[in-house]
Each structure stands twice: as structure tokens, then as C-alpha cells.
Amino acid sequence: EVINLLEYSEIYHDVGNKETIFSI
């Protein structure tokens, strides 16, 4: 009923919010 998303995800820390979906 509940799934922790981070357990199945890969993450990228975007310092400064520089990335867009096209660059990422």
C-alpha cells in the first residue's frame, strides 16, 4: 500500500537549481 520511492531511485543533487529536464 505504501512504497518508499528513494529505495528504488537514483538521485542527483542539483545545487543552485541549474538543471532542466533536457539537461538532466
mmCIF file of all heavy atoms, coordinates in Angstrom:
data_MODEL
# 
_entry.id   MODEL 
# 
loop_
_atom_site.group_PDB 
_atom_site.id 
_atom_site.type_symbol 
_atom_site.label_atom_id 
_atom_site.label_alt_id 
_atom_site.label_comp_id 
_atom_site.label_asym_id 
_atom_site.label_entity_id 
_atom_site.label_seq_id 
_atom_site.pdbx_PDB_ins_code 
_atom_site.Cartn_x 
_atom_site.Cartn_y 
_atom_site.Cartn_z 
_atom_site.occupancy 
_atom_site.B_iso_or_equiv 
_atom_site.pdbx_formal_charge 
_atom_site.auth_seq_id 
_atom_site.auth_comp_id 
_atom_site.auth_asym_id 
_atom_site.auth_atom_id 
_atom_site.pdbx_PDB_model_num 
ATOM 1   N N   . GLU A 1 1  ? 0.821  -1.212 0.000   1.00 0.00 ? 1  GLU A N   1 
ATOM 2   C CA  . GLU A 1 1  ? 0.000  0.000  0.000   1.00 0.00 ? 1  GLU A CA  1 
ATOM 3   C C   . GLU A 1 1  ? 0.853  1.260  0.000   1.00 0.00 ? 1  GLU A C   1 
ATOM 4   O O   . GLU A 1 1  ? 0.418  2.307  -0.465  1.00 0.00 ? 1  GLU A O   1 
ATOM 5   C CB  . GLU A 1 1  ? -0.940 -0.005 1.209   1.00 0.00 ? 1  GLU A CB  1 
ATOM 6   C CG  . GLU A 1 1  ? -2.000 -1.107 1.135   1.00 0.00 ? 1  GLU A CG  1 
ATOM 7   C CD  . GLU A 1 1  ? -2.969 -1.037 2.286   1.00 0.00 ? 1  GLU A CD  1 
ATOM 8   O OE1 . GLU A 1 1  ? -2.598 -0.501 3.351   1.00 0.00 ? 1  GLU A OE1 1 
ATOM 9   O OE2 . GLU A 1 1  ? -4.105 -1.517 2.127   1.00 0.00 ? 1  GLU A OE2 1 
ATOM 10  N N   . VAL A 1 2  ? 2.085  1.152  0.543   1.00 0.00 ? 2  VAL A N   1 
ATOM 11  C CA  . VAL A 1 2  ? 2.993  2.300  0.601   1.00 0.00 ? 2  VAL A CA  1 
ATOM 12  C C   . VAL A 1 2  ? 4.377  1.854  0.165   1.00 0.00 ? 2  VAL A C   1 
ATOM 13  O O   . VAL A 1 2  ? 4.898  0.843  0.644   1.00 0.00 ? 2  VAL A O   1 
ATOM 14  C CB  . VAL A 1 2  ? 3.068  2.900  2.025   1.00 0.00 ? 2  VAL A CB  1 
ATOM 15  C CG1 . VAL A 1 2  ? 3.939  4.154  2.018   1.00 0.00 ? 2  VAL A CG1 1 
ATOM 16  C CG2 . VAL A 1 2  ? 1.685  3.223  2.558   1.00 0.00 ? 2  VAL A CG2 1 
ATOM 17  N N   . ILE A 1 3  ? 4.999  2.607  -0.755  1.00 0.00 ? 3  ILE A N   1 
ATOM 18  C CA  . ILE A 1 3  ? 6.340  2.292  -1.254  1.00 0.00 ? 3  ILE A CA  1 
ATOM 19  C C   . ILE A 1 3  ? 7.233  3.512  -1.054  1.00 0.00 ? 3  ILE A C   1 
ATOM 20  O O   . ILE A 1 3  ? 6.882  4.617  -1.475  1.00 0.00 ? 3  ILE A O   1 
ATOM 21  C CB  . ILE A 1 3  ? 6.308  1.914  -2.745  1.00 0.00 ? 3  ILE A CB  1 
ATOM 22  C CG1 . ILE A 1 3  ? 5.465  0.665  -2.958  1.00 0.00 ? 3  ILE A CG1 1 
ATOM 23  C CG2 . ILE A 1 3  ? 7.722  1.703  -3.285  1.00 0.00 ? 3  ILE A CG2 1 
ATOM 24  C CD1 . ILE A 1 3  ? 5.225  0.324  -4.420  1.00 0.00 ? 3  ILE A CD1 1 
ATOM 25  N N   . ASN A 1 4  ? 8.370  3.304  -0.391  1.00 0.00 ? 4  ASN A N   1 
ATOM 26  C CA  . ASN A 1 4  ? 9.348  4.380  -0.232  1.00 0.00 ? 4  ASN A CA  1 
ATOM 27  C C   . ASN A 1 4  ? 10.103 4.549  -1.543  1.00 0.00 ? 4  ASN A C   1 
ATOM 28  O O   . ASN A 1 4  ? 10.844 3.677  -1.972  1.00 0.00 ? 4  ASN A O   1 
ATOM 29  C CB  . ASN A 1 4  ? 10.318 4.055  0.908   1.00 0.00 ? 4  ASN A CB  1 
ATOM 30  C CG  . ASN A 1 4  ? 11.297 5.182  1.168   1.00 0.00 ? 4  ASN A CG  1 
ATOM 31  O OD1 . ASN A 1 4  ? 11.218 6.248  0.554   1.00 0.00 ? 4  ASN A OD1 1 
ATOM 32  N ND2 . ASN A 1 4  ? 12.239 4.945  2.060   1.00 0.00 ? 4  ASN A ND2 1 
ATOM 33  N N   . LEU A 1 5  ? 9.925  5.687  -2.184  1.00 0.00 ? 5  LEU A N   1 
ATOM 34  C CA  . LEU A 1 5  ? 10.444 5.904  -3.534  1.00 0.00 ? 5  LEU A CA  1 
ATOM 35  C C   . LEU A 1 5  ? 11.976 5.913  -3.579  1.00 0.00 ? 5  LEU A C   1 
ATOM 36  O O   . LEU A 1 5  ? 12.576 5.464  -4.559  1.00 0.00 ? 5  LEU A O   1 
ATOM 37  C CB  . LEU A 1 5  ? 9.897  7.219  -4.089  1.00 0.00 ? 5  LEU A CB  1 
ATOM 38  C CG  . LEU A 1 5  ? 9.830  7.363  -5.610  1.00 0.00 ? 5  LEU A CG  1 
ATOM 39  C CD1 . LEU A 1 5  ? 9.017  6.245  -6.219  1.00 0.00 ? 5  LEU A CD1 1 
ATOM 40  C CD2 . LEU A 1 5  ? 9.245  8.698  -5.983  1.00 0.00 ? 5  LEU A CD2 1 
ATOM 41  N N   . LEU A 1 6  ? 12.624 6.427  -2.550  1.00 0.00 ? 6  LEU A N   1 
ATOM 42  C CA  . LEU A 1 6  ? 14.083 6.534  -2.558  1.00 0.00 ? 6  LEU A CA  1 
ATOM 43  C C   . LEU A 1 6  ? 14.757 5.164  -2.620  1.00 0.00 ? 6  LEU A C   1 
ATOM 44  O O   . LEU A 1 6  ? 15.872 5.038  -3.131  1.00 0.00 ? 6  LEU A O   1 
ATOM 45  C CB  . LEU A 1 6  ? 14.569 7.292  -1.323  1.00 0.00 ? 6  LEU A CB  1 
ATOM 46  C CG  . LEU A 1 6  ? 14.305 8.795  -1.306  1.00 0.00 ? 6  LEU A CG  1 
ATOM 47  C CD1 . LEU A 1 6  ? 14.778 9.400  0.004   1.00 0.00 ? 6  LEU A CD1 1 
ATOM 48  C CD2 . LEU A 1 6  ? 14.988 9.479  -2.473  1.00 0.00 ? 6  LEU A CD2 1 
ATOM 49  N N   . GLU A 1 7  ? 14.090 4.161  -2.108  1.00 0.00 ? 7  GLU A N   1 
ATOM 50  C CA  . GLU A 1 7  ? 14.651 2.811  -2.109  1.00 0.00 ? 7  GLU A CA  1 
ATOM 51  C C   . GLU A 1 7  ? 14.862 2.280  -3.520  1.00 0.00 ? 7  GLU A C   1 
ATOM 52  O O   . GLU A 1 7  ? 15.737 1.453  -3.769  1.00 0.00 ? 7  GLU A O   1 
ATOM 53  C CB  . GLU A 1 7  ? 13.728 1.878  -1.318  1.00 0.00 ? 7  GLU A CB  1 
ATOM 54  C CG  . GLU A 1 7  ? 14.246 0.459  -1.163  1.00 0.00 ? 7  GLU A CG  1 
ATOM 55  C CD  . GLU A 1 7  ? 13.303 -0.407 -0.362  1.00 0.00 ? 7  GLU A CD  1 
ATOM 56  O OE1 . GLU A 1 7  ? 12.392 0.152  0.307   1.00 0.00 ? 7  GLU A OE1 1 
ATOM 57  O OE2 . GLU A 1 7  ? 13.453 -1.645 -0.399  1.00 0.00 ? 7  GLU A OE2 1 
ATOM 58  N N   . TYR A 1 8  ? 14.086 2.785  -4.466  1.00 0.00 ? 8  TYR A N   1 
ATOM 59  C CA  . TYR A 1 8  ? 14.140 2.298  -5.844  1.00 0.00 ? 8  TYR A CA  1 
ATOM 60  C C   . TYR A 1 8  ? 14.611 3.372  -6.825  1.00 0.00 ? 8  TYR A C   1 
ATOM 61  O O   . TYR A 1 8  ? 14.460 3.208  -8.031  1.00 0.00 ? 8  TYR A O   1 
ATOM 62  C CB  . TYR A 1 8  ? 12.754 1.810  -6.268  1.00 0.00 ? 8  TYR A CB  1 
ATOM 63  C CG  . TYR A 1 8  ? 12.203 0.712  -5.403  1.00 0.00 ? 8  TYR A CG  1 
ATOM 64  C CD1 . TYR A 1 8  ? 11.408 1.012  -4.297  1.00 0.00 ? 8  TYR A CD1 1 
ATOM 65  C CD2 . TYR A 1 8  ? 12.493 -0.624 -5.666  1.00 0.00 ? 8  TYR A CD2 1 
ATOM 66  C CE1 . TYR A 1 8  ? 10.909 0.008  -3.494  1.00 0.00 ? 8  TYR A CE1 1 
ATOM 67  C CE2 . TYR A 1 8  ? 11.995 -1.640 -4.875  1.00 0.00 ? 8  TYR A CE2 1 
ATOM 68  C CZ  . TYR A 1 8  ? 11.201 -1.312 -3.777  1.00 0.00 ? 8  TYR A CZ  1 
ATOM 69  O OH  . TYR A 1 8  ? 10.706 -2.311 -2.974  1.00 0.00 ? 8  TYR A OH  1 
ATOM 70  N N   . SER A 1 9  ? 15.156 4.459  -6.302  1.00 0.00 ? 9  SER A N   1 
ATOM 71  C CA  . SER A 1 9  ? 15.524 5.593  -7.159  1.00 0.00 ? 9  SER A CA  1 
ATOM 72  C C   . SER A 1 9  ? 17.016 5.845  -7.165  1.00 0.00 ? 9  SER A C   1 
ATOM 73  O O   . SER A 1 9  ? 17.748 5.433  -6.256  1.00 0.00 ? 9  SER A O   1 
ATOM 74  C CB  . SER A 1 9  ? 14.814 6.874  -6.675  1.00 0.00 ? 9  SER A CB  1 
ATOM 75  O OG  . SER A 1 9  ? 13.428 6.731  -6.682  1.00 0.00 ? 9  SER A OG  1 
ATOM 76  N N   . GLU A 1 10 ? 17.444 6.545  -8.211  1.00 0.00 ? 10 GLU A N   1 
ATOM 77  C CA  . GLU A 1 10 ? 18.771 7.136  -8.247  1.00 0.00 ? 10 GLU A CA  1 
ATOM 78  C C   . GLU A 1 10 ? 18.588 8.641  -8.151  1.00 0.00 ? 10 GLU A C   1 
ATOM 79  O O   . GLU A 1 10 ? 17.630 9.186  -8.701  1.00 0.00 ? 10 GLU A O   1 
ATOM 80  C CB  . GLU A 1 10 ? 19.494 6.763  -9.546  1.00 0.00 ? 10 GLU A CB  1 
ATOM 81  C CG  . GLU A 1 10 ? 19.798 5.284  -9.658  1.00 0.00 ? 10 GLU A CG  1 
ATOM 82  C CD  . GLU A 1 10 ? 20.496 4.942  -10.964 1.00 0.00 ? 10 GLU A CD  1 
ATOM 83  O OE1 . GLU A 1 10 ? 19.896 5.244  -12.020 1.00 0.00 ? 10 GLU A OE1 1 
ATOM 84  O OE2 . GLU A 1 10 ? 21.614 4.407  -10.926 1.00 0.00 ? 10 GLU A OE2 1 
ATOM 85  N N   . ILE A 1 11 ? 19.487 9.328  -7.439  1.00 0.00 ? 11 ILE A N   1 
ATOM 86  C CA  . ILE A 1 11 ? 19.279 10.746 -7.187  1.00 0.00 ? 11 ILE A CA  1 
ATOM 87  C C   . ILE A 1 11 ? 20.456 11.582 -7.689  1.00 0.00 ? 11 ILE A C   1 
ATOM 88  O O   . ILE A 1 11 ? 21.582 11.108 -7.809  1.00 0.00 ? 11 ILE A O   1 
ATOM 89  C CB  . ILE A 1 11 ? 19.038 11.036 -5.693  1.00 0.00 ? 11 ILE A CB  1 
ATOM 90  C CG1 . ILE A 1 11 ? 20.329 10.808 -4.875  1.00 0.00 ? 11 ILE A CG1 1 
ATOM 91  C CG2 . ILE A 1 11 ? 17.921 10.167 -5.152  1.00 0.00 ? 11 ILE A CG2 1 
ATOM 92  C CD1 . ILE A 1 11 ? 20.210 11.290 -3.450  1.00 0.00 ? 11 ILE A CD1 1 
ATOM 93  N N   . TYR A 1 12 ? 20.142 12.846 -7.970  1.00 0.00 ? 12 TYR A N   1 
ATOM 94  C CA  . TYR A 1 12 ? 21.144 13.835 -8.374  1.00 0.00 ? 12 TYR A CA  1 
ATOM 95  C C   . TYR A 1 12 ? 20.863 15.116 -7.603  1.00 0.00 ? 12 TYR A C   1 
ATOM 96  O O   . TYR A 1 12 ? 19.755 15.669 -7.684  1.00 0.00 ? 12 TYR A O   1 
ATOM 97  C CB  . TYR A 1 12 ? 21.084 14.085 -9.885  1.00 0.00 ? 12 TYR A CB  1 
ATOM 98  C CG  . TYR A 1 12 ? 21.996 15.190 -10.370 1.00 0.00 ? 12 TYR A CG  1 
ATOM 99  C CD1 . TYR A 1 12 ? 23.339 14.936 -10.631 1.00 0.00 ? 12 TYR A CD1 1 
ATOM 100 C CD2 . TYR A 1 12 ? 21.513 16.483 -10.567 1.00 0.00 ? 12 TYR A CD2 1 
ATOM 101 C CE1 . TYR A 1 12 ? 24.188 15.950 -11.079 1.00 0.00 ? 12 TYR A CE1 1 
ATOM 102 C CE2 . TYR A 1 12 ? 22.347 17.502 -11.020 1.00 0.00 ? 12 TYR A CE2 1 
ATOM 103 C CZ  . TYR A 1 12 ? 23.682 17.220 -11.265 1.00 0.00 ? 12 TYR A CZ  1 
ATOM 104 O OH  . TYR A 1 12 ? 24.514 18.230 -11.697 1.00 0.00 ? 12 TYR A OH  1 
ATOM 105 N N   . HIS A 1 13 ? 21.860 15.594 -6.859  1.00 0.00 ? 13 HIS A N   1 
ATOM 106 C CA  . HIS A 1 13 ? 21.707 16.817 -6.059  1.00 0.00 ? 13 HIS A CA  1 
ATOM 107 C C   . HIS A 1 13 ? 22.046 18.014 -6.934  1.00 0.00 ? 13 HIS A C   1 
ATOM 108 O O   . HIS A 1 13 ? 23.188 18.208 -7.324  1.00 0.00 ? 13 HIS A O   1 
ATOM 109 C CB  . HIS A 1 13 ? 22.633 16.753 -4.836  1.00 0.00 ? 13 HIS A CB  1 
ATOM 110 C CG  . HIS A 1 13 ? 22.434 17.880 -3.883  1.00 0.00 ? 13 HIS A CG  1 
ATOM 111 N ND1 . HIS A 1 13 ? 23.338 18.172 -2.889  1.00 0.00 ? 13 HIS A ND1 1 
ATOM 112 C CD2 . HIS A 1 13 ? 21.428 18.796 -3.752  1.00 0.00 ? 13 HIS A CD2 1 
ATOM 113 C CE1 . HIS A 1 13 ? 22.919 19.213 -2.195  1.00 0.00 ? 13 HIS A CE1 1 
ATOM 114 N NE2 . HIS A 1 13 ? 21.767 19.609 -2.699  1.00 0.00 ? 13 HIS A NE2 1 
ATOM 115 N N   . ASP A 1 14 ? 21.041 18.819 -7.227  1.00 0.00 ? 14 ASP A N   1 
ATOM 116 C CA  . ASP A 1 14 ? 21.184 19.958 -8.135  1.00 0.00 ? 14 ASP A CA  1 
ATOM 117 C C   . ASP A 1 14 ? 21.375 21.243 -7.325  1.00 0.00 ? 14 ASP A C   1 
ATOM 118 O O   . ASP A 1 14 ? 20.420 21.968 -7.040  1.00 0.00 ? 14 ASP A O   1 
ATOM 119 C CB  . ASP A 1 14 ? 19.936 20.049 -9.024  1.00 0.00 ? 14 ASP A CB  1 
ATOM 120 C CG  . ASP A 1 14 ? 20.023 21.170 -10.048 1.00 0.00 ? 14 ASP A CG  1 
ATOM 121 O OD1 . ASP A 1 14 ? 21.107 21.763 -10.189 1.00 0.00 ? 14 ASP A OD1 1 
ATOM 122 O OD2 . ASP A 1 14 ? 18.996 21.448 -10.697 1.00 0.00 ? 14 ASP A OD2 1 
ATOM 123 N N   . VAL A 1 15 ? 22.623 21.538 -6.958  1.00 0.00 ? 15 VAL A N   1 
ATOM 124 C CA  . VAL A 1 15 ? 22.926 22.738 -6.190  1.00 0.00 ? 15 VAL A CA  1 
ATOM 125 C C   . VAL A 1 15 ? 22.784 23.963 -7.094  1.00 0.00 ? 15 VAL A C   1 
ATOM 126 O O   . VAL A 1 15 ? 23.400 24.038 -8.160  1.00 0.00 ? 15 VAL A O   1 
ATOM 127 C CB  . VAL A 1 15 ? 24.348 22.673 -5.606  1.00 0.00 ? 15 VAL A CB  1 
ATOM 128 C CG1 . VAL A 1 15 ? 24.665 23.953 -4.825  1.00 0.00 ? 15 VAL A CG1 1 
ATOM 129 C CG2 . VAL A 1 15 ? 24.497 21.464 -4.706  1.00 0.00 ? 15 VAL A CG2 1 
ATOM 130 N N   . GLY A 1 16 ? 21.959 24.906 -6.679  1.00 0.00 ? 16 GLY A N   1 
ATOM 131 C CA  . GLY A 1 16 ? 21.730 26.103 -7.474  1.00 0.00 ? 16 GLY A CA  1 
ATOM 132 C C   . GLY A 1 16 ? 20.576 25.995 -8.447  1.00 0.00 ? 16 GLY A C   1 
ATOM 133 O O   . GLY A 1 16 ? 20.253 26.960 -9.148  1.00 0.00 ? 16 GLY A O   1 
ATOM 134 N N   . ASN A 1 17 ? 19.939 24.812 -8.497  1.00 0.00 ? 17 ASN A N   1 
ATOM 135 C CA  . ASN A 1 17 ? 18.806 24.599 -9.416  1.00 0.00 ? 17 ASN A CA  1 
ATOM 136 C C   . ASN A 1 17 ? 19.158 24.984 -10.855 1.00 0.00 ? 17 ASN A C   1 
ATOM 137 O O   . ASN A 1 17 ? 18.417 25.701 -11.538 1.00 0.00 ? 17 ASN A O   1 
ATOM 138 C CB  . ASN A 1 17 ? 17.580 25.393 -8.949  1.00 0.00 ? 17 ASN A CB  1 
ATOM 139 C CG  . ASN A 1 17 ? 16.960 24.809 -7.690  1.00 0.00 ? 17 ASN A CG  1 
ATOM 140 O OD1 . ASN A 1 17 ? 17.000 23.593 -7.471  1.00 0.00 ? 17 ASN A OD1 1 
ATOM 141 N ND2 . ASN A 1 17 ? 16.404 25.666 -6.852  1.00 0.00 ? 17 ASN A ND2 1 
ATOM 142 N N   . LYS A 1 18 ? 20.279 24.476 -11.331 1.00 0.00 ? 18 LYS A N   1 
ATOM 143 C CA  . LYS A 1 18 ? 20.758 24.834 -12.660 1.00 0.00 ? 18 LYS A CA  1 
ATOM 144 C C   . LYS A 1 18 ? 20.207 23.935 -13.769 1.00 0.00 ? 18 LYS A C   1 
ATOM 145 O O   . LYS A 1 18 ? 20.189 24.321 -14.938 1.00 0.00 ? 18 LYS A O   1 
ATOM 146 C CB  . LYS A 1 18 ? 22.292 24.788 -12.674 1.00 0.00 ? 18 LYS A CB  1 
ATOM 147 C CG  . LYS A 1 18 ? 22.946 25.752 -11.702 1.00 0.00 ? 18 LYS A CG  1 
ATOM 148 C CD  . LYS A 1 18 ? 24.462 25.582 -11.697 1.00 0.00 ? 18 LYS A CD  1 
ATOM 149 C CE  . LYS A 1 18 ? 25.124 26.514 -10.692 1.00 0.00 ? 18 LYS A CE  1 
ATOM 150 N NZ  . LYS A 1 18 ? 26.593 26.326 -10.635 1.00 0.00 ? 18 LYS A NZ  1 
ATOM 151 N N   . GLU A 1 19 ? 19.774 22.729 -13.397 1.00 0.00 ? 19 GLU A N   1 
ATOM 152 C CA  . GLU A 1 19 ? 19.408 21.748 -14.414 1.00 0.00 ? 19 GLU A CA  1 
ATOM 153 C C   . GLU A 1 19 ? 17.942 21.868 -14.832 1.00 0.00 ? 19 GLU A C   1 
ATOM 154 O O   . GLU A 1 19 ? 17.083 22.268 -14.044 1.00 0.00 ? 19 GLU A O   1 
ATOM 155 C CB  . GLU A 1 19 ? 19.657 20.325 -13.893 1.00 0.00 ? 19 GLU A CB  1 
ATOM 156 C CG  . GLU A 1 19 ? 21.073 20.073 -13.407 1.00 0.00 ? 19 GLU A CG  1 
ATOM 157 C CD  . GLU A 1 19 ? 22.110 20.168 -14.495 1.00 0.00 ? 19 GLU A CD  1 
ATOM 158 O OE1 . GLU A 1 19 ? 21.750 20.126 -15.694 1.00 0.00 ? 19 GLU A OE1 1 
ATOM 159 O OE2 . GLU A 1 19 ? 23.302 20.278 -14.156 1.00 0.00 ? 19 GLU A OE2 1 
ATOM 160 N N   . THR A 1 20 ? 17.684 21.518 -16.093 1.00 0.00 ? 20 THR A N   1 
ATOM 161 C CA  . THR A 1 20 ? 16.326 21.362 -16.605 1.00 0.00 ? 20 THR A CA  1 
ATOM 162 C C   . THR A 1 20 ? 16.141 19.896 -16.973 1.00 0.00 ? 20 THR A C   1 
ATOM 163 O O   . THR A 1 20 ? 17.102 19.113 -16.965 1.00 0.00 ? 20 THR A O   1 
ATOM 164 C CB  . THR A 1 20 ? 16.100 22.234 -17.845 1.00 0.00 ? 20 THR A CB  1 
ATOM 165 O OG1 . THR A 1 20 ? 16.924 21.727 -18.926 1.00 0.00 ? 20 THR A OG1 1 
ATOM 166 C CG2 . THR A 1 20 ? 16.459 23.693 -17.560 1.00 0.00 ? 20 THR A CG2 1 
ATOM 167 N N   . ILE A 1 21 ? 14.939 19.517 -17.320 1.00 0.00 ? 21 ILE A N   1 
ATOM 168 C CA  . ILE A 1 21 ? 14.709 18.128 -17.694 1.00 0.00 ? 21 ILE A CA  1 
ATOM 169 C C   . ILE A 1 21 ? 15.530 17.748 -18.921 1.00 0.00 ? 21 ILE A C   1 
ATOM 170 O O   . ILE A 1 21 ? 15.992 16.611 -19.051 1.00 0.00 ? 21 ILE A O   1 
ATOM 171 C CB  . ILE A 1 21 ? 13.205 17.857 -17.941 1.00 0.00 ? 21 ILE A CB  1 
ATOM 172 C CG1 . ILE A 1 21 ? 12.962 16.376 -18.238 1.00 0.00 ? 21 ILE A CG1 1 
ATOM 173 C CG2 . ILE A 1 21 ? 12.661 18.749 -19.047 1.00 0.00 ? 21 ILE A CG2 1 
ATOM 174 C CD1 . ILE A 1 21 ? 13.391 15.438 -17.145 1.00 0.00 ? 21 ILE A CD1 1 
ATOM 175 N N   . PHE A 1 22 ? 15.775 18.710 -19.800 1.00 0.00 ? 22 PHE A N   1 
ATOM 176 C CA  . PHE A 1 22 ? 16.520 18.410 -21.029 1.00 0.00 ? 22 PHE A CA  1 
ATOM 177 C C   . PHE A 1 22 ? 18.017 18.244 -20.751 1.00 0.00 ? 22 PHE A C   1 
ATOM 178 O O   . PHE A 1 22 ? 18.675 17.387 -21.353 1.00 0.00 ? 22 PHE A O   1 
ATOM 179 C CB  . PHE A 1 22 ? 16.269 19.508 -22.061 1.00 0.00 ? 22 PHE A CB  1 
ATOM 180 C CG  . PHE A 1 22 ? 14.825 19.702 -22.381 1.00 0.00 ? 22 PHE A CG  1 
ATOM 181 C CD1 . PHE A 1 22 ? 14.124 20.795 -21.895 1.00 0.00 ? 22 PHE A CD1 1 
ATOM 182 C CD2 . PHE A 1 22 ? 14.145 18.764 -23.151 1.00 0.00 ? 22 PHE A CD2 1 
ATOM 183 C CE1 . PHE A 1 22 ? 12.778 20.961 -22.170 1.00 0.00 ? 22 PHE A CE1 1 
ATOM 184 C CE2 . PHE A 1 22 ? 12.803 18.922 -23.440 1.00 0.00 ? 22 PHE A CE2 1 
ATOM 185 C CZ  . PHE A 1 22 ? 12.110 20.021 -22.948 1.00 0.00 ? 22 PHE A CZ  1 
ATOM 186 N N   . SER A 1 23 ? 18.550 19.014 -19.828 1.00 0.00 ? 23 SER A N   1 
ATOM 187 C CA  . SER A 1 23 ? 19.969 18.865 -19.494 1.00 0.00 ? 23 SER A CA  1 
ATOM 188 C C   . SER A 1 23 ? 20.208 17.642 -18.617 1.00 0.00 ? 23 SER A C   1 
ATOM 189 O O   . SER A 1 23 ? 21.240 16.975 -18.730 1.00 0.00 ? 23 SER A O   1 
ATOM 190 C CB  . SER A 1 23 ? 20.490 20.120 -18.786 1.00 0.00 ? 23 SER A CB  1 
ATOM 191 O OG  . SER A 1 23 ? 19.838 20.334 -17.545 1.00 0.00 ? 23 SER A OG  1 
ATOM 192 N N   . ILE A 1 24 ? 19.239 17.327 -17.751 1.00 0.00 ? 24 ILE A N   1 
ATOM 193 C CA  . ILE A 1 24 ? 19.431 16.207 -16.831 1.00 0.00 ? 24 ILE A CA  1 
ATOM 194 C C   . ILE A 1 24 ? 19.356 14.865 -17.554 1.00 0.00 ? 24 ILE A C   1 
ATOM 195 O O   . ILE A 1 24 ? 19.945 13.875 -17.120 1.00 0.00 ? 24 ILE A O   1 
ATOM 196 C CB  . ILE A 1 24 ? 18.404 16.270 -15.682 1.00 0.00 ? 24 ILE A CB  1 
ATOM 197 C CG1 . ILE A 1 24 ? 18.946 15.574 -14.427 1.00 0.00 ? 24 ILE A CG1 1 
ATOM 198 C CG2 . ILE A 1 24 ? 17.077 15.640 -16.081 1.00 0.00 ? 24 ILE A CG2 1 
ATOM 199 C CD1 . ILE A 1 24 ? 20.091 16.266 -13.768 1.00 0.00 ? 24 ILE A CD1 1 
# 
